[in-house]
Protein backbone atom coordinates (compact mmCIF):
# COMPACT_ATOMS: atom_id res chain seq x y z
CA UNK A 1 33.94 7.02 2.68
CA UNK A 2 32.73 3.79 4.24
CA UNK A 3 31.58 0.75 2.49
CA UNK A 4 28.31 0.76 4.36
CA UNK A 5 27.98 4.72 3.68
CA UNK A 6 28.80 4.14 -0.13
CA UNK A 7 25.64 1.36 -0.10
CA UNK A 8 23.57 2.84 1.88
CA UNK A 9 24.05 6.37 -0.83
CA UNK A 10 24.18 4.68 -3.95
CA UNK A 11 21.70 1.65 -3.32
CA UNK A 12 19.44 4.67 -2.39
CA UNK A 13 20.33 6.61 -5.42
CA UNK A 14 19.34 3.33 -7.44
CA UNK A 15 16.45 3.11 -5.39
CA UNK A 16 15.00 6.41 -6.04
CA UNK A 17 15.79 5.74 -9.96
CA UNK A 18 14.47 2.87 -10.16
CA UNK A 19 10.90 4.22 -8.04
CA UNK A 20 10.72 7.29 -10.13
CA UNK A 21 11.38 5.07 -13.41
CA UNK A 22 8.38 3.19 -12.46
CA UNK A 23 5.95 6.01 -11.78
CA UNK A 24 6.79 7.25 -15.26
CA UNK A 25 5.94 3.63 -16.81
CA UNK A 26 2.63 3.87 -14.98
CA UNK A 27 2.04 7.10 -15.49
CA UNK A 28 2.67 7.16 -19.19
CA UNK A 29 1.30 3.48 -20.12
CA UNK A 30 -1.03 1.95 -17.17
CA UNK A 31 -2.58 4.96 -15.41
CA UNK A 32 -5.22 5.91 -18.00
CA UNK A 33 -6.46 2.70 -18.16
CA UNK A 34 -6.74 1.64 -15.00
CA UNK A 35 -8.38 5.26 -13.92
CA UNK A 36 -10.99 4.51 -17.18
CA UNK A 37 -11.93 1.03 -15.88
CA UNK A 38 -12.18 2.23 -11.75
CA UNK A 39 -14.76 5.35 -13.46
CA UNK A 40 -16.86 2.92 -16.08
CA UNK A 41 -16.77 0.07 -13.82
CA UNK A 42 -18.29 2.64 -11.06
CA UNK A 43 -20.65 4.34 -13.40
CA UNK A 44 -21.82 1.05 -14.70
CA UNK A 45 -22.48 -0.03 -10.88
CA UNK A 46 -24.86 3.12 -10.54
CA UNK A 47 -26.47 1.84 -13.82
CA UNK A 48 -27.40 -1.49 -12.70
CA UNK A 49 -28.30 -0.40 -9.43
CA UNK A 50 -31.10 2.15 -10.50
CA UNK A 51 -32.35 -0.54 -13.03
CA UNK A 52 -32.98 -2.58 -10.14
CA UNK A 53 -30.49 -5.29 -11.53
CA UNK A 54 -28.57 -5.95 -8.31
CA UNK A 55 -26.54 -9.01 -8.81
CA UNK A 56 -24.89 -7.09 -12.17
CA UNK A 57 -24.41 -3.76 -9.81
CA UNK A 58 -22.71 -5.85 -7.54
CA UNK A 59 -20.85 -7.71 -9.83
CA UNK A 60 -19.17 -4.03 -11.54
CA UNK A 61 -18.54 -3.62 -8.09
CA UNK A 62 -16.59 -5.90 -7.54
CA UNK A 63 -14.48 -5.03 -11.43
CA UNK A 64 -14.40 -1.56 -9.32
CA UNK A 65 -12.73 -2.74 -6.22
CA UNK A 66 -10.28 -4.99 -7.74
CA UNK A 67 -9.16 -2.38 -9.89
CA UNK A 68 -8.98 0.08 -6.92
CA UNK A 69 -6.86 -2.71 -5.06
CA UNK A 70 -4.18 -2.72 -7.88
CA UNK A 71 -4.33 0.87 -8.80
CA UNK A 72 -3.35 1.72 -4.98
CA UNK A 73 -0.46 -0.82 -4.77
CA UNK A 74 1.15 0.67 -7.80
CA UNK A 75 1.28 4.20 -6.92
CA UNK A 76 2.03 2.84 -3.48
CA UNK A 77 5.10 0.80 -4.99
CA UNK A 78 6.70 4.23 -6.89
CA UNK A 79 6.29 5.92 -3.66
CA UNK A 80 7.22 3.57 -1.34
CA UNK A 81 10.56 3.24 -3.41
CA UNK A 82 11.33 6.65 -3.79
CA UNK A 83 11.08 8.09 -0.29
CA UNK A 84 12.90 4.57 1.14
CA UNK A 85 15.86 5.55 -1.40
CA UNK A 86 15.82 9.16 -0.20
CA UNK A 87 15.61 7.60 3.49
CA UNK A 88 19.16 5.81 2.62
CA UNK A 89 20.60 8.39 0.99
CA UNK A 90 20.17 10.62 4.24
CA UNK A 91 20.85 7.94 6.60
CA UNK A 92 24.15 7.48 4.50
CA UNK A 93 25.15 10.73 5.21
CA UNK A 94 25.39 10.61 8.26
CA UNK A 95 26.25 7.07 9.11
CA UNK A 96 29.49 7.54 9.49
CA UNK A 97 28.59 8.67 12.96
CA UNK A 98 27.11 5.40 13.93
CA UNK A 99 29.39 3.81 16.52
CA UNK A 100 29.18 0.41 15.53
CA UNK A 101 32.17 -1.32 13.82
CA UNK A 102 32.39 -0.72 10.08
CA UNK A 103 31.31 -4.84 9.51
CA UNK A 104 28.34 -4.21 11.81
CA UNK A 105 27.25 -0.93 10.27
CA UNK A 106 28.15 -2.61 6.85
CA UNK A 107 24.89 -5.39 7.89
CA UNK A 108 22.80 -3.03 8.98
CA UNK A 109 23.31 -1.32 5.46
CA UNK A 110 22.85 -4.16 3.59
CA UNK A 111 19.65 -4.83 5.74
CA UNK A 112 18.55 -1.79 4.94
CA UNK A 113 18.70 -1.96 1.21
CA UNK A 114 17.18 -5.12 1.07
CA UNK A 115 14.23 -4.11 3.30
CA UNK A 116 13.77 -1.42 0.82
CA UNK A 117 13.67 -3.51 -2.02
CA UNK A 118 11.39 -6.17 -0.72
CA UNK A 119 8.70 -4.48 0.73
CA UNK A 120 7.41 -2.20 -2.64
CA UNK A 121 8.50 -5.48 -4.48
CA UNK A 122 6.38 -7.04 -1.87
CA UNK A 123 3.91 -5.02 -2.49
CA UNK A 124 3.59 -4.91 -6.42
CA UNK A 125 3.27 -8.82 -5.83
CA UNK A 126 0.22 -8.62 -4.20
CA UNK A 127 -1.42 -7.32 -7.19
CA UNK A 128 -0.41 -10.02 -9.09
CA UNK A 129 -0.25 -12.67 -6.70
CA UNK A 130 -3.66 -11.68 -4.95
CA UNK A 131 -4.55 -12.96 -1.36
CA UNK A 132 -1.07 -15.02 -1.84
CA UNK A 133 0.75 -15.51 1.69
CA UNK A 134 4.51 -15.30 -0.14
CA UNK A 135 3.76 -10.98 -1.55
CA UNK A 136 2.45 -10.27 1.93
CA UNK A 137 5.38 -12.01 3.91
CA UNK A 138 7.77 -10.45 1.15
CA UNK A 139 6.14 -6.97 2.12
CA UNK A 140 5.90 -7.40 5.95
CA UNK A 141 9.26 -8.97 6.49
CA UNK A 142 11.13 -5.88 4.28
CA UNK A 143 9.22 -3.80 6.37
CA UNK A 144 10.59 -5.24 9.54
CA UNK A 145 14.03 -4.96 8.07
CA UNK A 146 14.26 -1.21 7.50
CA UNK A 147 12.67 -0.86 10.52
CA UNK A 148 15.29 -2.72 12.16
CA UNK A 149 17.74 -1.35 10.59
CA UNK A 150 16.38 2.02 11.68
CA UNK A 151 16.46 1.39 14.98
CA UNK A 152 19.69 -0.64 14.78
CA UNK A 153 21.15 3.40 13.69
CA UNK A 154 19.35 5.05 16.35
CA UNK A 155 20.94 3.10 18.70
CA UNK A 156 24.53 3.30 17.22
CA UNK A 157 24.02 6.87 17.58
CA UNK A 158 22.34 6.80 20.99
CA UNK A 159 25.66 4.63 22.19
CA UNK A 160 28.43 6.42 23.78
CA UNK A 161 31.86 6.60 22.55
CA UNK A 162 34.33 4.14 23.86
């Protein structure tokens, strides 16, 4: 088994495990409080609107929007890590069929792993550094690395053998 293949398979297993563990942690310790906050702030906004207190209604909707922003990213992170991990495992299973040198395949595998880690990490950092450029750039850069690795792999499969 080549080094690139090992990196993809074992890196994918580790990434999927991290995603599952994060999802378990989130479901057990965070999600219920978040859902309570979402429901409470939304209900509060309706009550304040019915009472004619529009500033308080808007404030409650702002609380709801902030909680929803975090909730969506938290759930996305766990599913992205698992999905990218599974994609890495699948790519590792067929990666020796890519018609590039072992060195180039290894660098493609490194790019794939780096992108698969940094994309969800950037997404989770968006909840901490809301509106920050670094978190968005990390997510976009990770996504670009995964895309380039996939394209390079596709080119390697399509390339005729010498």
